[in-house]
Amino acid sequence: MSFYRPEKLPKLMVAPNGARKIKKDHPAVPLTISEIVATAKSCYEAGAGAIHLHVRDNEGQHVLDAGLYKEALNELEHQVPNMHIQVTTEAIGKYSPADMRKLAYDVTPPGASIGTSELIPSRNPENEDIKLYKYLTEAGTKIQHILYNPEDIDLLIELLDKAEIKIDMSWCLFVIGHYSGKISYPEKIPLFIKKMEEKNVKLDWAVCAFGKEEMSCLEKAINLDGKLRVGFENSLLMPNGEIAKDNQAKVSAINKIFKLD
């Protein structure tokens, strides 16, 4: 399979379902592969250059299943050939770092998101972590490093240094807030920037944020030359505070506001 692997992180990525939301949360949350593919097509047409992909099992639960991811990737390659496809390795307290690594090896996707502190809870990169990053980099997988606080940049620097991988312009996502309701403070974003300056590294970064504070965080990121990840994984709200009809409506509105085309 030949997937789209852009050199730069797309300006706008959609995260349409995440690991937790179900139809009770919103009827337009895509759970099946066919629903995810349809959502990817509509969001690509609305301006999203990439999709952050979670697959679900028959009960609609988050699952790190290589077979389901390969099926989804095959469908997406044909339906949205110019959209970057990023597979999640998110553990959500259900999977171990070993499970995360196994999925990445088994799928070897065009793109992968890896929570640095989730993969390395000890904050001490081991040989198995270094081996994984070397393997994915050599395979052409575009890794987006998921960073939950500025200190995660220190961990990322150590990991990539040990793996002998260039850190400058590595793709990163700064997570502002938390799905559980922890407030997304836009003032947190400059703390990541400060850490980059202290460490003299340049990252190709985006933010995601949650709930009613999402828009202020997106605005802050754009003002600081960052990029955006939006979608039902993080917030069901439109910029005006109303519940979005679907992911396409949300992506379209964000794209128009920030002129990301």
C-alpha atoms as a PDB file:
ATOM      1  CA  MET A   1       0.000   0.000   0.000  1.00  0.00           C
ATOM      2  CA  SER A   2       1.162   3.515  -0.801  1.00  0.00           C
ATOM      3  CA  PHE A   3       0.066   6.065   1.777  1.00  0.00           C
ATOM      4  CA  TYR A   4       0.358   9.827   1.886  1.00  0.00           C
ATOM      5  CA  ARG A   5       3.219  10.844   4.179  1.00  0.00           C
ATOM      6  CA  PRO A   6       3.612  14.637   4.191  1.00  0.00           C
ATOM      7  CA  GLU A   7       6.914  16.165   5.212  1.00  0.00           C
ATOM      8  CA  LYS A   8       5.234  18.708   7.478  1.00  0.00           C
ATOM      9  CA  LEU A   9       2.508  18.142  10.041  1.00  0.00           C
ATOM     10  CA  PRO A  10      -0.838  19.044   8.430  1.00  0.00           C
ATOM     11  CA  LYS A  11      -2.291  22.323   9.636  1.00  0.00           C
ATOM     12  CA  LEU A  12      -5.575  20.667  10.594  1.00  0.00           C
ATOM     13  CA  MET A  13      -6.102  17.094  11.779  1.00  0.00           C
ATOM     14  CA  VAL A  14      -9.433  15.545  12.710  1.00  0.00           C
ATOM     15  CA  ALA A  15      -9.807  13.189  15.675  1.00  0.00           C
ATOM     16  CA  PRO A  16     -13.372  12.005  15.058  1.00  0.00           C
ATOM     17  CA  ASN A  17     -14.013   9.501  17.842  1.00  0.00           C
ATOM     18  CA  GLY A  18     -11.172   8.870  20.294  1.00  0.00           C
ATOM     19  CA  ALA A  19     -11.194   5.986  22.737  1.00  0.00           C
ATOM     20  CA  ARG A  20     -14.156   6.847  24.922  1.00  0.00           C
ATOM     21  CA  LYS A  21     -17.113   8.563  23.230  1.00  0.00           C
ATOM     22  CA  ILE A  22     -20.011   6.398  22.042  1.00  0.00           C
ATOM     23  CA  LYS A  23     -23.365   6.937  20.334  1.00  0.00           C
ATOM     24  CA  LYS A  24     -24.926   7.950  23.665  1.00  0.00           C
ATOM     25  CA  ASP A  25     -22.572  10.920  23.707  1.00  0.00           C
ATOM     26  CA  HIS A  26     -23.466  11.885  20.130  1.00  0.00           C
ATOM     27  CA  PRO A  27     -25.175   9.825  17.407  1.00  0.00           C
ATOM     28  CA  ALA A  28     -22.605  10.977  14.833  1.00  0.00           C
ATOM     29  CA  VAL A  29     -19.581   9.563  16.681  1.00  0.00           C
ATOM     30  CA  PRO A  30     -18.117   7.145  14.090  1.00  0.00           C
ATOM     31  CA  LEU A  31     -17.500   3.675  15.531  1.00  0.00           C
ATOM     32  CA  THR A  32     -17.517   1.206  12.645  1.00  0.00           C
ATOM     33  CA  ILE A  33     -14.896   1.237   9.925  1.00  0.00           C
ATOM     34  CA  SER A  34     -17.474   2.277   7.329  1.00  0.00           C
ATOM     35  CA  GLU A  35     -18.542   5.202   9.532  1.00  0.00           C
ATOM     36  CA  ILE A  36     -14.920   6.206  10.115  1.00  0.00           C
ATOM     37  CA  VAL A  37     -14.173   6.120   6.375  1.00  0.00           C
ATOM     38  CA  ALA A  38     -17.250   8.230   5.575  1.00  0.00           C
ATOM     39  CA  THR A  39     -16.220  10.714   8.262  1.00  0.00           C
ATOM     40  CA  ALA A  40     -12.663  10.856   6.926  1.00  0.00           C
ATOM     41  CA  LYS A  41     -13.950  11.659   3.419  1.00  0.00           C
ATOM     42  CA  SER A  42     -16.264  14.417   4.589  1.00  0.00           C
ATOM     43  CA  CYS A  43     -13.649  15.945   6.876  1.00  0.00           C
ATOM     44  CA  TYR A  44     -10.989  15.840   4.164  1.00  0.00           C
ATOM     45  CA  GLU A  45     -13.364  17.715   1.884  1.00  0.00           C
ATOM     46  CA  ALA A  46     -13.926  20.214   4.727  1.00  0.00           C
ATOM     47  CA  GLY A  47     -10.197  20.909   5.059  1.00  0.00           C
ATOM     48  CA  ALA A  48      -8.641  18.288   7.359  1.00  0.00           C
ATOM     49  CA  GLY A  49      -5.309  17.080   6.011  1.00  0.00           C
ATOM     50  CA  ALA A  50      -5.019  14.138   8.393  1.00  0.00           C
ATOM     51  CA  ILE A  51      -7.107  11.821  10.537  1.00  0.00           C
ATOM     52  CA  HIS A  52      -6.223  10.515  13.997  1.00  0.00           C
ATOM     53  CA  LEU A  53      -7.583   6.982  13.839  1.00  0.00           C
ATOM     54  CA  HIS A  54      -9.125   4.899  16.619  1.00  0.00           C
ATOM     55  CA  VAL A  55     -10.869   1.619  15.744  1.00  0.00           C
ATOM     56  CA  ARG A  56     -13.497   0.002  17.952  1.00  0.00           C
ATOM     57  CA  ASP A  57     -14.527  -3.592  18.610  1.00  0.00           C
ATOM     58  CA  ASN A  58     -18.024  -5.027  18.078  1.00  0.00           C
ATOM     59  CA  GLU A  59     -19.177  -3.479  21.355  1.00  0.00           C
ATOM     60  CA  GLY A  60     -17.863  -0.063  20.350  1.00  0.00           C
ATOM     61  CA  GLN A  61     -14.930  -0.208  22.759  1.00  0.00           C
ATOM     62  CA  HIS A  62     -11.407   1.057  22.144  1.00  0.00           C
ATOM     63  CA  VAL A  63      -9.141  -1.727  20.972  1.00  0.00           C
ATOM     64  CA  LEU A  64      -5.519  -2.024  19.835  1.00  0.00           C
ATOM     65  CA  ASP A  65      -6.314  -4.608  17.173  1.00  0.00           C
ATOM     66  CA  ALA A  66      -3.851  -4.854  14.275  1.00  0.00           C
ATOM     67  CA  GLY A  67      -6.339  -6.624  12.030  1.00  0.00           C
ATOM     68  CA  LEU A  68      -8.966  -3.900  12.412  1.00  0.00           C
ATOM     69  CA  TYR A  69      -6.392  -1.181  11.842  1.00  0.00           C
ATOM     70  CA  LYS A  70      -5.141  -2.858   8.670  1.00  0.00           C
ATOM     71  CA  GLU A  71      -8.721  -3.156   7.415  1.00  0.00           C
ATOM     72  CA  ALA A  72      -9.357   0.514   8.140  1.00  0.00           C
ATOM     73  CA  LEU A  73      -6.084   1.571   6.517  1.00  0.00           C
ATOM     74  CA  ASN A  74      -6.904  -0.368   3.366  1.00  0.00           C
ATOM     75  CA  GLU A  75     -10.300   1.328   3.056  1.00  0.00           C
ATOM     76  CA  LEU A  76      -8.944   4.781   3.839  1.00  0.00           C
ATOM     77  CA  GLU A  77      -6.108   4.464   1.334  1.00  0.00           C
ATOM     78  CA  HIS A  78      -8.639   3.961  -1.441  1.00  0.00           C
ATOM     79  CA  GLN A  79     -11.201   6.522  -0.287  1.00  0.00           C
ATOM     80  CA  VAL A  80      -8.898   9.373   0.846  1.00  0.00           C
ATOM     81  CA  PRO A  81      -5.520   8.756  -0.843  1.00  0.00           C
ATOM     82  CA  ASN A  82      -4.276  12.287  -0.161  1.00  0.00           C
ATOM     83  CA  MET A  83      -5.192  12.340   3.523  1.00  0.00           C
ATOM     84  CA  HIS A  84      -2.518  11.422   6.059  1.00  0.00           C
ATOM     85  CA  ILE A  85      -3.685   8.539   8.256  1.00  0.00           C
ATOM     86  CA  GLN A  86      -2.427   8.354  11.816  1.00  0.00           C
ATOM     87  CA  VAL A  87      -3.027   5.266  13.950  1.00  0.00           C
ATOM     88  CA  THR A  88      -3.282   5.736  17.695  1.00  0.00           C
ATOM     89  CA  THR A  89      -1.426   3.569  20.193  1.00  0.00           C
ATOM     90  CA  GLU A  90      -3.311   5.042  23.155  1.00  0.00           C
ATOM     91  CA  ALA A  91      -3.431   2.750  26.168  1.00  0.00           C
ATOM     92  CA  ILE A  92      -6.228   4.495  28.181  1.00  0.00           C
ATOM     93  CA  GLY A  93      -5.211   2.424  31.188  1.00  0.00           C
ATOM     94  CA  LYS A  94      -6.315  -0.740  29.386  1.00  0.00           C
ATOM     95  CA  TYR A  95      -3.133  -1.640  27.531  1.00  0.00           C
ATOM     96  CA  SER A  96       0.517  -1.893  28.518  1.00  0.00           C
ATOM     97  CA  PRO A  97       3.553  -0.315  26.839  1.00  0.00           C
ATOM     98  CA  ALA A  98       4.273  -3.784  25.422  1.00  0.00           C
ATOM     99  CA  ASP A  99       0.810  -3.785  23.814  1.00  0.00           C
ATOM    100  CA  MET A 100       1.476  -0.341  22.347  1.00  0.00           C
ATOM    101  CA  ARG A 101       4.760  -1.486  20.864  1.00  0.00           C
ATOM    102  CA  LYS A 102       3.226  -4.682  19.464  1.00  0.00           C
ATOM    103  CA  LEU A 103       0.502  -2.764  17.647  1.00  0.00           C
ATOM    104  CA  ALA A 104       3.050  -0.399  16.101  1.00  0.00           C
ATOM    105  CA  TYR A 105       5.201  -3.286  14.897  1.00  0.00           C
ATOM    106  CA  ASP A 106       2.275  -5.346  13.616  1.00  0.00           C
ATOM    107  CA  VAL A 107       0.664  -2.492  11.676  1.00  0.00           C
ATOM    108  CA  THR A 108       3.675  -0.310  10.736  1.00  0.00           C
ATOM    109  CA  PRO A 109       1.241   2.457   9.769  1.00  0.00           C
ATOM    110  CA  PRO A 110       1.899   5.550   7.644  1.00  0.00           C
ATOM    111  CA  GLY A 111       1.438   7.620  10.782  1.00  0.00           C
ATOM    112  CA  ALA A 112       1.345   6.805  14.493  1.00  0.00           C
ATOM    113  CA  SER A 113       0.609   8.820  17.594  1.00  0.00           C
ATOM    114  CA  ILE A 114       2.566   7.725  20.652  1.00  0.00           C
ATOM    115  CA  GLY A 115       2.098   9.163  24.123  1.00  0.00           C
ATOM    116  CA  THR A 116       5.720   9.491  25.197  1.00  0.00           C
ATOM    117  CA  SER A 117       5.017   9.247  28.909  1.00  0.00           C
ATOM    118  CA  GLU A 118       2.431   6.520  28.299  1.00  0.00           C
ATOM    119  CA  LEU A 119       4.962   4.383  26.441  1.00  0.00           C
ATOM    120  CA  ILE A 120       7.700   5.148  28.966  1.00  0.00           C
ATOM    121  CA  PRO A 121       6.004   5.550  32.380  1.00  0.00           C
ATOM    122  CA  SER A 122       9.372   5.130  34.108  1.00  0.00           C
ATOM    123  CA  ARG A 123      10.599   8.178  32.150  1.00  0.00           C
ATOM    124  CA  ASN A 124      13.759   6.205  31.446  1.00  0.00           C
ATOM    125  CA  PRO A 125      13.900   5.069  27.784  1.00  0.00           C
ATOM    126  CA  GLU A 126      14.904   1.424  27.536  1.00  0.00           C
ATOM    127  CA  ASN A 127      16.316  -0.552  24.611  1.00  0.00           C
ATOM    128  CA  GLU A 128      12.835  -1.739  23.592  1.00  0.00           C
ATOM    129  CA  ASP A 129      11.656   1.873  23.272  1.00  0.00           C
ATOM    130  CA  ILE A 130      14.727   2.899  21.297  1.00  0.00           C
ATOM    131  CA  LYS A 131      14.355  -0.122  19.021  1.00  0.00           C
ATOM    132  CA  LEU A 132      10.708   0.746  18.301  1.00  0.00           C
ATOM    133  CA  TYR A 133      11.458   4.350  17.372  1.00  0.00           C
ATOM    134  CA  LYS A 134      14.327   3.314  15.121  1.00  0.00           C
ATOM    135  CA  TYR A 135      12.136   0.714  13.421  1.00  0.00           C
ATOM    136  CA  LEU A 136       9.235   3.095  12.768  1.00  0.00           C
ATOM    137  CA  THR A 137      11.519   5.879  11.560  1.00  0.00           C
ATOM    138  CA  GLU A 138      13.308   3.551   9.130  1.00  0.00           C
ATOM    139  CA  ALA A 139       9.941   2.206   7.945  1.00  0.00           C
ATOM    140  CA  GLY A 140       8.769   5.718   7.076  1.00  0.00           C
ATOM    141  CA  THR A 141       6.105   5.980   9.778  1.00  0.00           C
ATOM    142  CA  LYS A 142       5.445   9.614  10.672  1.00  0.00           C
ATOM    143  CA  ILE A 143       5.386   9.615  14.465  1.00  0.00           C
ATOM    144  CA  GLN A 144       3.500  12.326  16.316  1.00  0.00           C
ATOM    145  CA  HIS A 145       4.685  12.474  19.904  1.00  0.00           C
ATOM    146  CA  ILE A 146       1.829  13.123  22.330  1.00  0.00           C
ATOM    147  CA  LEU A 147       3.021  15.409  25.123  1.00  0.00           C
ATOM    148  CA  TYR A 148       0.879  16.102  28.178  1.00  0.00           C
ATOM    149  CA  ASN A 149       3.130  18.632  29.884  1.00  0.00           C
ATOM    150  CA  PRO A 150       6.295  20.590  29.052  1.00  0.00           C
ATOM    151  CA  GLU A 151       8.456  18.103  30.964  1.00  0.00           C
ATOM    152  CA  ASP A 152       7.534  15.480  28.372  1.00  0.00           C
ATOM    153  CA  ILE A 153       9.775  17.420  25.970  1.00  0.00           C
ATOM    154  CA  ASP A 154      12.739  16.462  28.175  1.00  0.00           C
ATOM    155  CA  LEU A 155      11.736  12.802  27.899  1.00  0.00           C
ATOM    156  CA  LEU A 156      11.327  13.077  24.132  1.00  0.00           C
ATOM    157  CA  ILE A 157      14.760  14.661  23.751  1.00  0.00           C
ATOM    158  CA  GLU A 158      16.359  11.851  25.744  1.00  0.00           C
ATOM    159  CA  LEU A 159      14.497   9.154  23.791  1.00  0.00           C
ATOM    160  CA  LEU A 160      15.338  10.510  20.350  1.00  0.00           C
ATOM    161  CA  ASP A 161      18.931  11.203  21.350  1.00  0.00           C
ATOM    162  CA  LYS A 162      19.366   7.573  22.427  1.00  0.00           C
ATOM    163  CA  ALA A 163      17.686   6.412  19.217  1.00  0.00           C
ATOM    164  CA  GLU A 164      19.951   8.702  17.175  1.00  0.00           C
ATOM    165  CA  ILE A 165      16.938  10.379  15.582  1.00  0.00           C
ATOM    166  CA  LYS A 166      16.953  14.076  14.742  1.00  0.00           C
ATOM    167  CA  ILE A 167      14.537  15.938  16.998  1.00  0.00           C
ATOM    168  CA  ASP A 168      14.207  19.233  15.134  1.00  0.00           C
ATOM    169  CA  MET A 169      10.796  19.525  13.448  1.00  0.00           C
ATOM    170  CA  SER A 170       9.573  16.281  15.004  1.00  0.00           C
ATOM    171  CA  TRP A 171       5.778  16.154  14.988  1.00  0.00           C
ATOM    172  CA  CYS A 172       4.239  16.753  18.412  1.00  0.00           C
ATOM    173  CA  LEU A 173       0.823  17.283  19.950  1.00  0.00           C
ATOM    174  CA  PHE A 174       0.495  19.378  23.088  1.00  0.00           C
ATOM    175  CA  VAL A 175      -2.530  18.115  25.018  1.00  0.00           C
ATOM    176  CA  ILE A 176      -4.188  20.991  26.859  1.00  0.00           C
ATOM    177  CA  GLY A 177      -6.607  19.782  29.524  1.00  0.00           C
ATOM    178  CA  HIS A 178      -8.094  16.317  29.840  1.00  0.00           C
ATOM    179  CA  TYR A 179     -11.131  14.322  28.650  1.00  0.00           C
ATOM    180  CA  SER A 180     -12.238  13.886  32.285  1.00  0.00           C
ATOM    181  CA  GLY A 181     -13.057  17.578  32.579  1.00  0.00           C
ATOM    182  CA  LYS A 182      -9.729  19.079  33.612  1.00  0.00           C
ATOM    183  CA  ILE A 183      -9.876  22.641  32.302  1.00  0.00           C
ATOM    184  CA  SER A 184      -7.969  23.446  29.118  1.00  0.00           C
ATOM    185  CA  TYR A 185      -6.042  26.599  30.008  1.00  0.00           C
ATOM    186  CA  PRO A 186      -4.615  28.374  26.924  1.00  0.00           C
ATOM    187  CA  GLU A 187      -1.920  29.806  29.185  1.00  0.00           C
ATOM    188  CA  LYS A 188      -0.377  26.336  29.297  1.00  0.00           C
ATOM    189  CA  ILE A 189       0.663  26.491  25.640  1.00  0.00           C
ATOM    190  CA  PRO A 190       3.428  29.104  26.117  1.00  0.00           C
ATOM    191  CA  LEU A 191       4.969  26.817  28.753  1.00  0.00           C
ATOM    192  CA  PHE A 192       5.645  24.256  26.013  1.00  0.00           C
ATOM    193  CA  ILE A 193       7.144  27.020  23.858  1.00  0.00           C
ATOM    194  CA  LYS A 194       9.343  28.138  26.736  1.00  0.00           C
ATOM    195  CA  LYS A 195      10.601  24.586  27.244  1.00  0.00           C
ATOM    196  CA  MET A 196      11.457  24.315  23.535  1.00  0.00           C
ATOM    197  CA  GLU A 197      13.419  27.557  23.768  1.00  0.00           C
ATOM    198  CA  GLU A 198      15.235  26.404  26.898  1.00  0.00           C
ATOM    199  CA  LYS A 199      16.231  23.154  25.169  1.00  0.00           C
ATOM    200  CA  ASN A 200      16.980  24.884  21.861  1.00  0.00           C
ATOM    201  CA  VAL A 201      14.732  22.562  19.849  1.00  0.00           C
ATOM    202  CA  LYS A 202      12.193  23.311  17.157  1.00  0.00           C
ATOM    203  CA  LEU A 203       9.131  21.081  16.996  1.00  0.00           C
ATOM    204  CA  ASP A 204       6.383  20.901  14.383  1.00  0.00           C
ATOM    205  CA  TRP A 205       3.532  21.114  16.864  1.00  0.00           C
ATOM    206  CA  ALA A 206      -0.220  21.189  17.197  1.00  0.00           C
ATOM    207  CA  VAL A 207      -2.620  21.370  20.114  1.00  0.00           C
ATOM    208  CA  CYS A 208      -5.829  19.690  21.118  1.00  0.00           C
ATOM    209  CA  ALA A 209      -8.084  20.940  23.887  1.00  0.00           C
ATOM    210  CA  PHE A 210     -11.352  19.999  25.541  1.00  0.00           C
ATOM    211  CA  GLY A 211     -14.836  21.375  26.093  1.00  0.00           C
ATOM    212  CA  LYS A 212     -15.828  25.005  26.153  1.00  0.00           C
ATOM    213  CA  GLU A 213     -12.238  26.212  26.504  1.00  0.00           C
ATOM    214  CA  GLU A 214     -11.214  24.558  23.229  1.00  0.00           C
ATOM    215  CA  MET A 215     -11.604  27.645  21.039  1.00  0.00           C
ATOM    216  CA  SER A 216      -9.470  29.902  23.238  1.00  0.00           C
ATOM    217  CA  CYS A 217      -6.734  27.255  23.132  1.00  0.00           C
ATOM    218  CA  LEU A 218      -6.956  26.944  19.354  1.00  0.00           C
ATOM    219  CA  GLU A 219      -6.728  30.708  18.983  1.00  0.00           C
ATOM    220  CA  LYS A 220      -3.689  30.803  21.260  1.00  0.00           C
ATOM    221  CA  ALA A 221      -1.989  28.057  19.259  1.00  0.00           C
ATOM    222  CA  ILE A 222      -2.587  29.802  15.944  1.00  0.00           C
ATOM    223  CA  ASN A 223      -1.212  33.063  17.358  1.00  0.00           C
ATOM    224  CA  LEU A 224       1.938  31.163  18.347  1.00  0.00           C
ATOM    225  CA  ASP A 225       2.303  29.574  14.872  1.00  0.00           C
ATOM    226  CA  GLY A 226       0.979  26.202  15.970  1.00  0.00           C
ATOM    227  CA  LYS A 227      -1.373  23.787  14.246  1.00  0.00           C
ATOM    228  CA  LEU A 228      -4.655  22.206  15.289  1.00  0.00           C
ATOM    229  CA  ARG A 229      -6.278  18.865  16.028  1.00  0.00           C
ATOM    230  CA  VAL A 230     -10.054  19.004  16.452  1.00  0.00           C
ATOM    231  CA  GLY A 231     -12.965  16.604  16.438  1.00  0.00           C
ATOM    232  CA  PHE A 232     -15.372  14.702  18.632  1.00  0.00           C
ATOM    233  CA  GLU A 233     -12.546  12.963  20.523  1.00  0.00           C
ATOM    234  CA  ASN A 234     -11.855  16.238  22.301  1.00  0.00           C
ATOM    235  CA  SER A 235     -15.019  18.310  22.039  1.00  0.00           C
ATOM    236  CA  LEU A 236     -18.530  18.078  20.603  1.00  0.00           C
ATOM    237  CA  LEU A 237     -18.879  21.865  20.505  1.00  0.00           C
ATOM    238  CA  MET A 238     -18.887  24.231  17.560  1.00  0.00           C
ATOM    239  CA  PRO A 239     -16.966  27.521  17.875  1.00  0.00           C
ATOM    240  CA  ASN A 240     -20.214  29.261  18.882  1.00  0.00           C
ATOM    241  CA  GLY A 241     -20.754  26.822  21.759  1.00  0.00           C
ATOM    242  CA  GLU A 242     -23.540  24.825  20.145  1.00  0.00           C
ATOM    243  CA  ILE A 243     -23.353  21.040  19.753  1.00  0.00           C
ATOM    244  CA  ALA A 244     -21.902  20.175  16.348  1.00  0.00           C
ATOM    245  CA  LYS A 245     -24.003  18.207  13.862  1.00  0.00           C
ATOM    246  CA  ASP A 246     -21.000  16.022  13.080  1.00  0.00           C
ATOM    247  CA  ASN A 247     -17.224  16.117  12.699  1.00  0.00           C
ATOM    248  CA  GLN A 248     -17.455  17.617   9.224  1.00  0.00           C
ATOM    249  CA  ALA A 249     -19.382  20.629  10.509  1.00  0.00           C
ATOM    250  CA  LYS A 250     -16.797  21.210  13.216  1.00  0.00           C
ATOM    251  CA  VAL A 251     -13.817  20.860  10.869  1.00  0.00           C
ATOM    252  CA  SER A 252     -15.434  23.147   8.296  1.00  0.00           C
ATOM    253  CA  ALA A 253     -16.132  25.859  10.867  1.00  0.00           C
ATOM    254  CA  ILE A 254     -12.613  25.738  12.331  1.00  0.00           C
ATOM    255  CA  ASN A 255     -11.084  25.790   8.865  1.00  0.00           C
ATOM    256  CA  LYS A 256     -13.086  28.854   7.866  1.00  0.00           C
ATOM    257  CA  ILE A 257     -12.309  30.751  11.063  1.00  0.00           C
ATOM    258  CA  PHE A 258      -8.555  30.198  10.911  1.00  0.00           C
ATOM    259  CA  LYS A 259      -8.218  30.055   7.096  1.00  0.00           C
ATOM    260  CA  LEU A 260      -6.112  26.885   7.181  1.00  0.00           C
ATOM    261  CA  ASP A 261      -6.489  25.906   3.502  1.00  0.00           C
END
